[in-house]
């Protein structure tokens, strides 16, 4: 299980990585089909400069520190960037009906900028809107499943 501001990686084909309650948070799933290595990040905020102390103790809380850590952790298990399949979910507008804080939108923008700079393509996506999501990553196949309220939304 991947908690809020957390990430997990695995090379064990029996593992299923799962994170719950992605509201404005983003889930980033990566998978290398040759190495059978995958990972899942659940980050809350776009930019670690909001709290540099917190970013040191919980780097997975922020897009700009969590995303590089996710990829590097997969590389340590034998994954290679050129083979990585990347899928994202979350970034909803939850509990912000006036769209004042726009945390979900800011999280999506931070992710896109970082991926653009690093030449990472998004292979599947379910972002925005106004509902919570649960994301599963199956290490045996690389399948990424998105659910909301216990019902299958889509396979990315």
N, C-alpha and C. Protein backbone atom coordinates (compact mmCIF):
# COMPACT_ATOMS: atom_id res chain seq x y z
N UNK A 1 0.84 -1.18 0.00
CA UNK A 1 0.00 0.00 0.00
C UNK A 1 0.88 1.25 0.00
N UNK A 2 0.52 2.21 -0.82
CA UNK A 2 1.23 3.47 -0.93
C UNK A 2 0.36 4.54 -0.28
N UNK A 3 0.86 5.14 0.79
CA UNK A 3 0.11 6.17 1.49
C UNK A 3 0.27 7.54 0.84
N UNK A 4 -0.36 8.51 1.42
CA UNK A 4 -0.23 9.89 0.95
C UNK A 4 1.20 10.35 1.22
N UNK A 5 1.81 11.02 0.27
CA UNK A 5 3.21 11.49 0.37
C UNK A 5 4.17 10.32 0.51
N UNK A 6 3.92 9.27 -0.27
CA UNK A 6 4.68 8.04 -0.16
C UNK A 6 4.92 7.50 -1.57
N UNK A 7 5.87 6.58 -1.67
CA UNK A 7 6.08 5.86 -2.91
C UNK A 7 6.61 4.48 -2.60
N UNK A 8 6.33 3.57 -3.50
CA UNK A 8 6.83 2.20 -3.40
C UNK A 8 7.25 1.76 -4.79
N UNK A 9 8.30 0.94 -4.84
CA UNK A 9 8.74 0.32 -6.09
C UNK A 9 8.92 -1.17 -5.84
N UNK A 10 8.81 -1.95 -6.91
CA UNK A 10 8.94 -3.40 -6.74
C UNK A 10 9.39 -4.05 -8.04
N UNK A 11 10.11 -5.14 -7.88
CA UNK A 11 10.48 -6.00 -8.98
C UNK A 11 9.91 -7.39 -8.78
N UNK A 12 8.99 -7.54 -7.82
CA UNK A 12 8.36 -8.81 -7.50
C UNK A 12 7.06 -8.92 -8.29
N UNK A 13 6.97 -9.89 -9.20
CA UNK A 13 5.80 -9.99 -10.06
C UNK A 13 4.51 -10.35 -9.31
N UNK A 14 4.62 -10.73 -8.06
CA UNK A 14 3.42 -11.03 -7.28
C UNK A 14 2.83 -9.79 -6.63
N UNK A 15 3.54 -8.67 -6.67
CA UNK A 15 3.10 -7.46 -5.98
C UNK A 15 2.07 -6.67 -6.78
N UNK A 16 1.14 -6.07 -6.06
CA UNK A 16 0.22 -5.08 -6.59
C UNK A 16 0.37 -3.85 -5.71
N UNK A 17 0.80 -2.76 -6.30
CA UNK A 17 0.93 -1.50 -5.57
C UNK A 17 -0.39 -0.77 -5.68
N UNK A 18 -0.87 -0.22 -4.57
CA UNK A 18 -2.17 0.43 -4.58
C UNK A 18 -2.14 1.69 -3.72
N UNK A 19 -2.81 2.72 -4.19
CA UNK A 19 -2.98 3.93 -3.39
C UNK A 19 -4.43 4.35 -3.45
N UNK A 20 -4.92 4.89 -2.33
CA UNK A 20 -6.32 5.26 -2.19
C UNK A 20 -6.46 6.78 -2.07
N UNK A 21 -7.66 7.24 -2.33
CA UNK A 21 -8.06 8.62 -2.03
C UNK A 21 -7.24 9.69 -2.74
N UNK A 22 -6.98 9.46 -4.03
CA UNK A 22 -6.36 10.53 -4.82
C UNK A 22 -7.45 11.55 -5.12
N UNK A 23 -7.43 12.66 -4.43
CA UNK A 23 -8.34 13.76 -4.72
C UNK A 23 -7.59 14.74 -5.59
N UNK A 24 -7.09 15.80 -4.96
CA UNK A 24 -6.25 16.75 -5.70
C UNK A 24 -4.83 16.23 -5.84
N UNK A 25 -4.50 15.19 -5.08
CA UNK A 25 -3.18 14.55 -5.19
C UNK A 25 -3.04 13.84 -6.53
N UNK A 26 -1.81 13.50 -6.87
CA UNK A 26 -1.52 12.80 -8.12
C UNK A 26 -0.88 11.46 -7.82
N UNK A 27 -1.31 10.44 -8.53
CA UNK A 27 -0.66 9.14 -8.52
C UNK A 27 0.12 8.98 -9.81
N UNK A 28 1.41 8.70 -9.69
CA UNK A 28 2.25 8.47 -10.86
C UNK A 28 2.67 7.01 -10.83
N UNK A 29 2.30 6.28 -11.87
CA UNK A 29 2.66 4.86 -12.00
C UNK A 29 3.66 4.71 -13.13
N UNK A 30 4.76 4.00 -12.85
CA UNK A 30 5.76 3.74 -13.88
C UNK A 30 6.03 2.24 -13.93
N UNK A 31 6.42 1.78 -15.13
CA UNK A 31 6.65 0.35 -15.31
C UNK A 31 7.63 0.12 -16.44
N UNK A 32 8.59 -0.77 -16.19
CA UNK A 32 9.54 -1.22 -17.22
C UNK A 32 9.18 -2.67 -17.53
N UNK A 33 8.62 -2.94 -18.73
CA UNK A 33 8.17 -4.29 -19.06
C UNK A 33 9.30 -5.30 -19.27
N UNK A 34 10.50 -4.85 -19.53
CA UNK A 34 11.62 -5.77 -19.70
C UNK A 34 12.16 -6.21 -18.34
N UNK A 35 12.35 -5.26 -17.45
CA UNK A 35 12.87 -5.57 -16.11
C UNK A 35 11.78 -6.03 -15.15
N UNK A 36 10.50 -5.90 -15.54
CA UNK A 36 9.37 -6.18 -14.64
C UNK A 36 9.52 -5.41 -13.33
N UNK A 37 9.80 -4.13 -13.47
CA UNK A 37 9.95 -3.24 -12.32
C UNK A 37 8.91 -2.14 -12.45
N UNK A 38 8.22 -1.87 -11.36
CA UNK A 38 7.23 -0.80 -11.37
C UNK A 38 7.26 -0.01 -10.09
N UNK A 39 6.60 1.13 -10.13
CA UNK A 39 6.53 1.97 -8.95
C UNK A 39 5.29 2.83 -8.97
N UNK A 40 4.94 3.32 -7.79
CA UNK A 40 3.77 4.17 -7.63
C UNK A 40 4.08 5.25 -6.62
N UNK A 41 3.82 6.49 -7.00
CA UNK A 41 4.02 7.68 -6.16
C UNK A 41 2.67 8.33 -5.92
N UNK A 42 2.44 8.79 -4.68
CA UNK A 42 1.22 9.54 -4.33
C UNK A 42 1.69 10.87 -3.75
N UNK A 43 1.75 11.91 -4.61
CA UNK A 43 2.22 13.21 -4.09
C UNK A 43 1.06 14.18 -3.90
N UNK A 44 1.27 15.11 -2.96
CA UNK A 44 0.22 16.05 -2.55
C UNK A 44 0.32 17.43 -3.18
N UNK A 45 1.55 17.92 -3.31
CA UNK A 45 1.76 19.32 -3.67
C UNK A 45 2.76 19.46 -4.80
N UNK A 46 2.67 20.55 -5.57
CA UNK A 46 3.51 20.68 -6.75
C UNK A 46 4.97 21.05 -6.50
N UNK A 47 5.26 21.79 -5.44
CA UNK A 47 6.57 22.41 -5.34
C UNK A 47 7.13 22.35 -3.93
N UNK A 48 8.30 21.74 -3.78
CA UNK A 48 8.91 21.57 -2.46
C UNK A 48 9.38 22.88 -1.84
N UNK A 49 9.47 23.95 -2.62
CA UNK A 49 9.90 25.23 -2.05
C UNK A 49 8.85 25.78 -1.07
N UNK A 50 7.64 25.20 -1.08
CA UNK A 50 6.62 25.58 -0.12
C UNK A 50 7.05 25.27 1.31
N UNK A 51 7.85 24.20 1.47
CA UNK A 51 8.32 23.79 2.79
C UNK A 51 9.57 22.94 2.63
N UNK A 52 10.72 23.59 2.58
CA UNK A 52 11.97 22.87 2.31
C UNK A 52 12.31 21.85 3.40
N UNK A 53 11.93 22.13 4.64
CA UNK A 53 12.17 21.19 5.73
C UNK A 53 11.36 19.91 5.52
N UNK A 54 10.10 20.08 5.17
CA UNK A 54 9.21 18.94 4.93
C UNK A 54 9.68 18.13 3.73
N UNK A 55 10.22 18.81 2.72
CA UNK A 55 10.66 18.10 1.51
C UNK A 55 11.85 17.20 1.79
N UNK A 56 12.64 17.53 2.80
CA UNK A 56 13.78 16.68 3.16
C UNK A 56 13.32 15.42 3.87
N UNK A 57 12.34 15.55 4.75
CA UNK A 57 11.88 14.38 5.50
C UNK A 57 10.84 13.56 4.74
N UNK A 58 10.08 14.19 3.83
CA UNK A 58 9.06 13.49 3.05
C UNK A 58 9.14 13.94 1.58
N UNK A 59 10.17 13.53 0.84
CA UNK A 59 10.31 13.99 -0.55
C UNK A 59 9.15 13.57 -1.45
N UNK A 60 8.46 12.49 -1.11
CA UNK A 60 7.35 12.03 -1.95
C UNK A 60 6.10 12.91 -1.81
N UNK A 61 6.16 13.89 -0.93
CA UNK A 61 5.03 14.80 -0.75
C UNK A 61 4.88 15.77 -1.93
N UNK A 62 5.99 16.02 -2.63
CA UNK A 62 6.01 17.06 -3.66
C UNK A 62 6.36 16.47 -5.03
N UNK A 63 5.81 17.08 -6.07
CA UNK A 63 6.09 16.63 -7.45
C UNK A 63 7.57 16.73 -7.78
N UNK A 64 8.18 17.87 -7.46
CA UNK A 64 9.55 18.12 -7.92
C UNK A 64 10.61 17.29 -7.20
N UNK A 65 10.26 16.72 -6.05
CA UNK A 65 11.20 15.82 -5.36
C UNK A 65 10.76 14.36 -5.44
N UNK A 66 9.45 14.12 -5.47
CA UNK A 66 8.93 12.76 -5.50
C UNK A 66 9.08 12.06 -6.83
N UNK A 67 8.85 12.77 -7.93
CA UNK A 67 8.93 12.15 -9.25
C UNK A 67 10.35 11.68 -9.56
N UNK A 68 11.38 12.52 -9.36
CA UNK A 68 12.74 12.01 -9.59
C UNK A 68 13.09 10.83 -8.70
N UNK A 69 12.63 10.86 -7.45
CA UNK A 69 12.90 9.76 -6.53
C UNK A 69 12.24 8.47 -7.01
N UNK A 70 11.03 8.56 -7.54
CA UNK A 70 10.33 7.39 -8.08
C UNK A 70 11.14 6.76 -9.21
N UNK A 71 11.55 7.56 -10.17
CA UNK A 71 12.31 7.03 -11.31
C UNK A 71 13.65 6.45 -10.84
N UNK A 72 14.38 7.16 -10.00
CA UNK A 72 15.68 6.68 -9.53
C UNK A 72 15.54 5.37 -8.76
N UNK A 73 14.47 5.26 -7.96
CA UNK A 73 14.24 4.02 -7.20
C UNK A 73 13.99 2.84 -8.14
N UNK A 74 13.30 3.08 -9.24
CA UNK A 74 13.08 2.02 -10.23
C UNK A 74 14.38 1.66 -10.95
N UNK A 75 15.21 2.67 -11.25
CA UNK A 75 16.49 2.41 -11.91
C UNK A 75 17.36 1.51 -11.04
N UNK A 76 17.30 1.70 -9.72
CA UNK A 76 18.09 0.87 -8.81
C UNK A 76 17.70 -0.59 -8.87
N UNK A 77 16.47 -0.87 -9.34
CA UNK A 77 15.99 -2.26 -9.48
C UNK A 77 16.16 -2.79 -10.90
N UNK A 78 16.81 -2.00 -11.77
CA UNK A 78 17.10 -2.46 -13.12
C UNK A 78 16.27 -1.85 -14.22
N UNK A 79 15.36 -0.95 -13.90
CA UNK A 79 14.56 -0.29 -14.93
C UNK A 79 15.42 0.69 -15.72
N UNK A 80 15.01 0.95 -16.96
CA UNK A 80 15.70 1.93 -17.79
C UNK A 80 14.68 2.95 -18.30
N UNK A 81 15.09 4.20 -18.28
CA UNK A 81 14.18 5.30 -18.65
C UNK A 81 13.55 5.09 -20.02
N UNK A 82 14.32 4.68 -21.00
CA UNK A 82 13.80 4.56 -22.37
C UNK A 82 12.70 3.51 -22.49
N UNK A 83 12.62 2.58 -21.53
CA UNK A 83 11.59 1.54 -21.58
C UNK A 83 10.40 1.84 -20.66
N UNK A 84 10.51 2.87 -19.86
CA UNK A 84 9.49 3.14 -18.84
C UNK A 84 8.17 3.58 -19.47
N UNK A 85 7.11 2.97 -18.98
CA UNK A 85 5.74 3.34 -19.34
C UNK A 85 5.20 4.14 -18.16
N UNK A 86 4.65 5.31 -18.43
CA UNK A 86 4.23 6.22 -17.37
C UNK A 86 2.74 6.53 -17.49
N UNK A 87 2.04 6.37 -16.37
CA UNK A 87 0.60 6.64 -16.34
C UNK A 87 0.29 7.47 -15.09
N UNK A 88 -0.67 8.36 -15.20
CA UNK A 88 -0.98 9.27 -14.10
C UNK A 88 -2.49 9.36 -13.86
N UNK A 89 -2.85 9.60 -12.61
CA UNK A 89 -4.26 9.77 -12.24
C UNK A 89 -4.34 10.72 -11.06
N UNK A 90 -5.49 11.37 -10.94
CA UNK A 90 -5.73 12.28 -9.82
C UNK A 90 -5.83 13.71 -10.29
N UNK A 91 -5.47 14.63 -9.41
CA UNK A 91 -5.53 16.05 -9.74
C UNK A 91 -6.95 16.59 -9.84
N UNK A 92 -7.84 15.99 -9.05
CA UNK A 92 -9.24 16.42 -9.08
C UNK A 92 -9.47 17.72 -8.32
N UNK A 93 -10.61 18.29 -8.58
CA UNK A 93 -11.03 19.50 -7.86
C UNK A 93 -11.98 19.05 -6.77
N UNK A 94 -11.40 18.70 -5.62
CA UNK A 94 -12.17 18.15 -4.51
C UNK A 94 -12.20 19.20 -3.39
N UNK A 95 -13.36 19.42 -2.82
CA UNK A 95 -13.53 20.35 -1.68
C UNK A 95 -13.04 21.76 -2.00
N UNK A 96 -13.05 22.15 -3.23
CA UNK A 96 -12.61 23.48 -3.64
C UNK A 96 -13.56 23.94 -4.75
N UNK A 97 -14.85 23.98 -4.42
CA UNK A 97 -15.86 24.26 -5.44
C UNK A 97 -15.67 25.59 -6.13
N UNK A 98 -15.13 26.57 -5.43
CA UNK A 98 -14.90 27.88 -6.04
C UNK A 98 -13.64 27.87 -6.90
N UNK A 99 -12.90 26.75 -6.87
CA UNK A 99 -11.66 26.60 -7.63
C UNK A 99 -10.63 27.66 -7.22
N UNK A 100 -10.65 28.00 -5.93
CA UNK A 100 -9.77 29.05 -5.42
C UNK A 100 -8.32 28.60 -5.34
N UNK A 101 -8.08 27.45 -4.72
CA UNK A 101 -6.70 26.98 -4.53
C UNK A 101 -6.15 26.26 -5.75
N UNK A 102 -7.02 25.57 -6.49
CA UNK A 102 -6.64 24.87 -7.71
C UNK A 102 -5.44 23.94 -7.51
N UNK A 103 -5.38 23.26 -6.37
CA UNK A 103 -4.26 22.37 -6.07
C UNK A 103 -4.17 21.25 -7.10
N UNK A 104 -5.30 20.64 -7.43
CA UNK A 104 -5.29 19.57 -8.42
C UNK A 104 -4.72 20.02 -9.75
N UNK A 105 -5.18 21.18 -10.22
CA UNK A 105 -4.70 21.72 -11.49
C UNK A 105 -3.21 22.07 -11.40
N UNK A 106 -2.79 22.64 -10.28
CA UNK A 106 -1.38 22.99 -10.11
C UNK A 106 -0.51 21.73 -10.05
N UNK A 107 -1.03 20.66 -9.44
CA UNK A 107 -0.30 19.40 -9.40
C UNK A 107 -0.11 18.81 -10.80
N UNK A 108 -1.16 18.88 -11.61
CA UNK A 108 -1.07 18.37 -12.99
C UNK A 108 -0.07 19.20 -13.79
N UNK A 109 -0.12 20.51 -13.64
CA UNK A 109 0.79 21.40 -14.37
C UNK A 109 2.24 21.12 -13.99
N UNK A 110 2.51 20.95 -12.70
CA UNK A 110 3.88 20.66 -12.24
C UNK A 110 4.39 19.36 -12.86
N UNK A 111 3.55 18.35 -12.89
CA UNK A 111 3.90 17.06 -13.47
C UNK A 111 4.23 17.20 -14.96
N UNK A 112 3.37 17.88 -15.69
CA UNK A 112 3.57 18.05 -17.14
C UNK A 112 4.87 18.81 -17.44
N UNK A 113 5.13 19.86 -16.67
CA UNK A 113 6.37 20.64 -16.88
C UNK A 113 7.59 19.77 -16.64
N UNK A 114 7.56 19.01 -15.56
CA UNK A 114 8.69 18.16 -15.22
C UNK A 114 8.90 17.07 -16.28
N UNK A 115 7.82 16.46 -16.73
CA UNK A 115 7.92 15.43 -17.76
C UNK A 115 8.42 16.03 -19.07
N UNK A 116 7.93 17.21 -19.43
CA UNK A 116 8.35 17.87 -20.67
C UNK A 116 9.86 18.12 -20.65
N UNK A 117 10.36 18.67 -19.53
CA UNK A 117 11.79 18.97 -19.41
C UNK A 117 12.66 17.73 -19.51
N UNK A 118 12.13 16.60 -19.04
CA UNK A 118 12.91 15.37 -18.97
C UNK A 118 12.55 14.37 -20.07
N UNK A 119 11.78 14.83 -21.05
CA UNK A 119 11.43 13.99 -22.20
C UNK A 119 10.74 12.69 -21.79
N UNK A 120 9.76 12.82 -20.89
CA UNK A 120 8.96 11.68 -20.44
C UNK A 120 7.55 11.85 -21.00
N UNK A 121 7.08 10.84 -21.69
CA UNK A 121 5.73 10.88 -22.25
C UNK A 121 4.75 10.21 -21.29
N UNK A 122 3.53 10.73 -21.26
CA UNK A 122 2.46 10.11 -20.47
C UNK A 122 1.73 9.13 -21.39
N UNK A 123 1.74 7.86 -20.99
CA UNK A 123 1.15 6.80 -21.82
C UNK A 123 -0.32 6.54 -21.51
N UNK A 124 -0.79 7.00 -20.36
CA UNK A 124 -2.18 6.84 -19.99
C UNK A 124 -2.51 7.81 -18.88
N UNK A 125 -3.75 8.32 -18.87
CA UNK A 125 -4.07 9.40 -17.94
C UNK A 125 -5.54 9.42 -17.58
N UNK A 126 -5.83 9.70 -16.32
CA UNK A 126 -7.18 9.99 -15.85
C UNK A 126 -7.04 11.09 -14.80
N UNK A 127 -7.12 12.33 -15.23
CA UNK A 127 -6.88 13.46 -14.33
C UNK A 127 -8.03 14.46 -14.40
N UNK A 128 -8.04 15.35 -13.38
CA UNK A 128 -9.04 16.41 -13.32
C UNK A 128 -10.37 15.91 -12.79
N UNK A 129 -11.42 16.57 -13.19
CA UNK A 129 -12.80 16.27 -12.76
C UNK A 129 -12.95 16.46 -11.25
N UNK A 130 -13.97 15.86 -10.66
CA UNK A 130 -14.26 16.15 -9.26
C UNK A 130 -14.56 14.90 -8.43
N UNK A 131 -13.78 13.86 -8.62
CA UNK A 131 -13.98 12.65 -7.83
C UNK A 131 -12.64 12.08 -7.38
N UNK A 132 -12.70 11.28 -6.31
CA UNK A 132 -11.51 10.61 -5.80
C UNK A 132 -11.23 9.35 -6.61
N UNK A 133 -9.97 8.94 -6.59
CA UNK A 133 -9.56 7.76 -7.35
C UNK A 133 -8.70 6.84 -6.49
N UNK A 134 -8.78 5.55 -6.81
CA UNK A 134 -7.88 4.53 -6.29
C UNK A 134 -7.11 3.99 -7.49
N UNK A 135 -5.80 3.81 -7.33
CA UNK A 135 -4.97 3.34 -8.43
C UNK A 135 -4.24 2.07 -8.01
N UNK A 136 -4.25 1.08 -8.90
CA UNK A 136 -3.51 -0.17 -8.69
C UNK A 136 -2.50 -0.34 -9.81
N UNK A 137 -1.30 -0.78 -9.46
CA UNK A 137 -0.27 -1.13 -10.44
C UNK A 137 0.08 -2.60 -10.23
N UNK A 138 -0.13 -3.41 -11.25
CA UNK A 138 0.17 -4.84 -11.19
C UNK A 138 1.56 -5.06 -11.77
N UNK A 139 2.49 -5.46 -10.91
CA UNK A 139 3.89 -5.61 -11.33
C UNK A 139 4.05 -6.74 -12.35
N UNK A 140 3.22 -7.75 -12.30
CA UNK A 140 3.36 -8.88 -13.23
C UNK A 140 3.11 -8.47 -14.68
N UNK A 141 2.23 -7.49 -14.89
CA UNK A 141 1.83 -7.12 -16.25
C UNK A 141 2.01 -5.64 -16.58
N UNK A 142 2.14 -4.82 -15.55
CA UNK A 142 2.20 -3.38 -15.77
C UNK A 142 0.82 -2.75 -15.88
N UNK A 143 -0.24 -3.55 -15.72
CA UNK A 143 -1.60 -3.00 -15.77
C UNK A 143 -1.79 -1.94 -14.70
N UNK A 144 -2.42 -0.84 -15.09
CA UNK A 144 -2.77 0.22 -14.14
C UNK A 144 -4.28 0.37 -14.19
N UNK A 145 -4.91 0.17 -13.05
CA UNK A 145 -6.37 0.21 -12.95
C UNK A 145 -6.77 1.39 -12.07
N UNK A 146 -7.75 2.16 -12.55
CA UNK A 146 -8.26 3.31 -11.80
C UNK A 146 -9.70 3.03 -11.42
N UNK A 147 -9.99 3.20 -10.13
CA UNK A 147 -11.34 3.00 -9.62
C UNK A 147 -11.81 4.25 -8.89
N UNK A 148 -13.12 4.41 -8.82
CA UNK A 148 -13.72 5.48 -8.01
C UNK A 148 -14.94 4.90 -7.33
N UNK A 149 -15.07 5.12 -6.05
CA UNK A 149 -16.17 4.57 -5.26
C UNK A 149 -16.28 3.06 -5.45
N UNK A 150 -15.14 2.38 -5.56
CA UNK A 150 -15.10 0.94 -5.68
C UNK A 150 -15.43 0.41 -7.07
N UNK A 151 -15.77 1.28 -8.00
CA UNK A 151 -16.12 0.84 -9.35
C UNK A 151 -15.00 1.15 -10.32
N UNK A 152 -14.78 0.23 -11.24
CA UNK A 152 -13.75 0.41 -12.26
C UNK A 152 -14.09 1.61 -13.14
N UNK A 153 -13.16 2.55 -13.21
CA UNK A 153 -13.32 3.68 -14.12
C UNK A 153 -12.68 3.35 -15.46
N UNK A 154 -11.41 2.95 -15.39
CA UNK A 154 -10.70 2.63 -16.63
C UNK A 154 -9.42 1.92 -16.32
N UNK A 155 -8.91 1.26 -17.34
CA UNK A 155 -7.57 0.70 -17.29
C UNK A 155 -6.72 1.60 -18.16
N UNK A 156 -5.64 2.11 -17.57
CA UNK A 156 -4.79 3.04 -18.31
C UNK A 156 -3.73 2.30 -19.08
